[in-house]
Amino acid sequence: MPQTTVSDGMYKRVLEFKPVVEAVIEETLDIDTCVEVVLMLGLDSMLADLVGPLDHSTLLSSFQQMASRNPAEVYSYVVETLDRGEIARQKEGLRRKVGFALPSHTEEREA
């Protein structure tokens, strides 16, 4: 695993913050895992600060641009999200909206 160096003061702050992280997640962590959690949350928080205030159309446009540049990653992410069921309740509506509805004679056979 790559390593990085932080100042003694920062290391002490993370070490002293470790019990706070453990209390929130209700698990005991080693210091390396704690640092990873703090970094992950910090990155997510900064990204939320940058992207969160954007309006829906700007976010959608950004997502479409990412798909244009990295289609395999973006589209596989969409499939994984759909498969995980995060928007499963909307799947039927999406099928019909996009035109993936089953023909009526097939639906009758399945019923």
Protein backbone atom coordinates (compact mmCIF):
# COMPACT_ATOMS: atom_id res chain seq x y z
CA MET A 1 0.00 0.00 0.00
CA PRO A 2 1.33 3.48 -0.80
CA GLN A 3 2.34 5.52 2.18
CA THR A 4 2.29 9.21 2.87
CA THR A 5 3.82 11.42 5.51
CA VAL A 6 1.89 13.88 7.64
CA SER A 7 3.14 16.30 10.24
CA ASP A 8 3.37 15.14 13.84
CA GLY A 9 0.59 17.58 14.73
CA MET A 10 -1.76 16.18 12.09
CA TYR A 11 -0.98 12.60 13.09
CA LYS A 12 -1.79 13.48 16.71
CA ARG A 13 -5.09 15.09 15.65
CA VAL A 14 -6.13 11.97 13.71
CA LEU A 15 -5.02 9.75 16.58
CA GLU A 16 -7.11 11.80 19.02
CA PHE A 17 -10.04 11.85 16.59
CA LYS A 18 -9.98 8.05 16.22
CA PRO A 19 -12.32 7.46 19.21
CA VAL A 20 -14.86 9.81 17.60
CA VAL A 21 -14.82 7.79 14.37
CA GLU A 22 -15.08 4.55 16.34
CA ALA A 23 -18.03 5.87 18.34
CA VAL A 24 -19.88 6.84 15.18
CA ILE A 25 -19.29 3.60 13.27
CA GLU A 26 -19.40 1.47 16.42
CA GLU A 27 -16.26 -0.48 15.49
CA THR A 28 -12.65 -0.49 16.64
CA LEU A 29 -10.22 0.60 13.94
CA ASP A 30 -6.48 0.50 13.52
CA ILE A 31 -4.90 3.87 12.82
CA ASP A 32 -4.37 3.17 9.09
CA THR A 33 -8.05 2.34 8.60
CA CYS A 34 -9.02 5.41 10.61
CA VAL A 35 -6.86 7.61 8.37
CA GLU A 36 -8.49 6.03 5.31
CA VAL A 37 -11.98 6.72 6.71
CA VAL A 38 -11.09 10.33 7.51
CA LEU A 39 -9.62 10.86 4.03
CA MET A 40 -12.60 9.19 2.33
CA LEU A 41 -15.08 11.32 4.26
CA GLY A 42 -13.02 14.44 3.65
CA LEU A 43 -12.90 13.80 -0.09
CA ASP A 44 -16.63 13.04 -0.19
CA SER A 45 -17.36 16.19 1.80
CA MET A 46 -15.25 18.39 -0.46
CA LEU A 47 -16.86 16.88 -3.55
CA ALA A 48 -20.30 17.50 -2.05
CA ASP A 49 -19.33 21.11 -1.36
CA LEU A 50 -18.25 21.55 -4.98
CA VAL A 51 -21.03 19.64 -6.74
CA GLY A 52 -23.90 19.78 -4.27
CA PRO A 53 -25.02 23.32 -5.06
CA LEU A 54 -25.22 22.64 -8.81
CA ASP A 55 -28.66 22.52 -10.38
CA HIS A 56 -30.13 19.32 -11.82
CA SER A 57 -29.48 20.19 -15.48
CA THR A 58 -25.80 20.96 -14.82
CA LEU A 59 -25.37 17.66 -12.93
CA LEU A 60 -27.12 15.75 -15.71
CA SER A 61 -24.97 17.42 -18.35
CA SER A 62 -21.84 16.57 -16.35
CA PHE A 63 -22.94 12.94 -16.02
CA GLN A 64 -23.57 12.76 -19.77
CA GLN A 65 -20.13 14.26 -20.47
CA MET A 66 -18.53 11.65 -18.17
CA ALA A 67 -20.40 8.95 -20.09
CA SER A 68 -19.08 10.35 -23.36
CA ARG A 69 -15.49 10.27 -22.07
CA ASN A 70 -15.70 7.02 -20.06
CA PRO A 71 -18.66 5.05 -21.41
CA ALA A 72 -17.68 1.64 -20.00
CA GLU A 73 -17.26 2.96 -16.46
CA VAL A 74 -20.34 5.17 -16.42
CA TYR A 75 -22.69 2.71 -18.07
CA SER A 76 -21.48 -0.20 -15.94
CA TYR A 77 -22.06 2.01 -12.89
CA VAL A 78 -25.62 2.67 -14.07
CA VAL A 79 -26.21 -1.06 -14.53
CA GLU A 80 -24.76 -1.85 -11.09
CA THR A 81 -26.95 0.82 -9.53
CA LEU A 82 -30.04 -0.56 -11.23
CA ASP A 83 -29.12 -4.12 -10.22
CA ARG A 84 -28.55 -3.13 -6.60
CA GLY A 85 -32.14 -2.02 -6.51
CA GLU A 86 -31.48 1.57 -5.50
CA ILE A 87 -33.99 2.60 -8.11
CA ALA A 88 -35.67 -0.78 -8.56
CA ARG A 89 -39.09 0.69 -7.83
CA GLN A 90 -38.54 2.98 -10.80
CA LYS A 91 -37.27 0.26 -13.13
CA GLU A 92 -40.67 -0.52 -14.63
CA GLY A 93 -41.34 3.15 -15.26
CA LEU A 94 -37.92 3.51 -16.87
CA ARG A 95 -38.55 0.49 -19.10
CA ARG A 96 -41.79 1.97 -20.34
CA LYS A 97 -40.37 5.49 -20.73
CA VAL A 98 -37.38 4.26 -22.74
CA GLY A 99 -39.54 1.86 -24.74
CA PHE A 100 -38.44 -1.42 -23.17
CA ALA A 101 -41.96 -2.51 -22.24
CA LEU A 102 -42.95 -6.07 -23.08
CA PRO A 103 -45.48 -6.47 -25.87
CA SER A 104 -48.98 -6.93 -24.49
CA HIS A 105 -49.28 -10.53 -25.76
CA THR A 106 -46.12 -11.49 -23.81
CA GLU A 107 -47.46 -9.89 -20.63
CA GLU A 108 -50.70 -11.87 -20.99
CA ARG A 109 -48.78 -15.16 -21.30
CA GLU A 110 -46.78 -14.42 -18.15
CA ALA A 111 -49.90 -13.51 -16.15
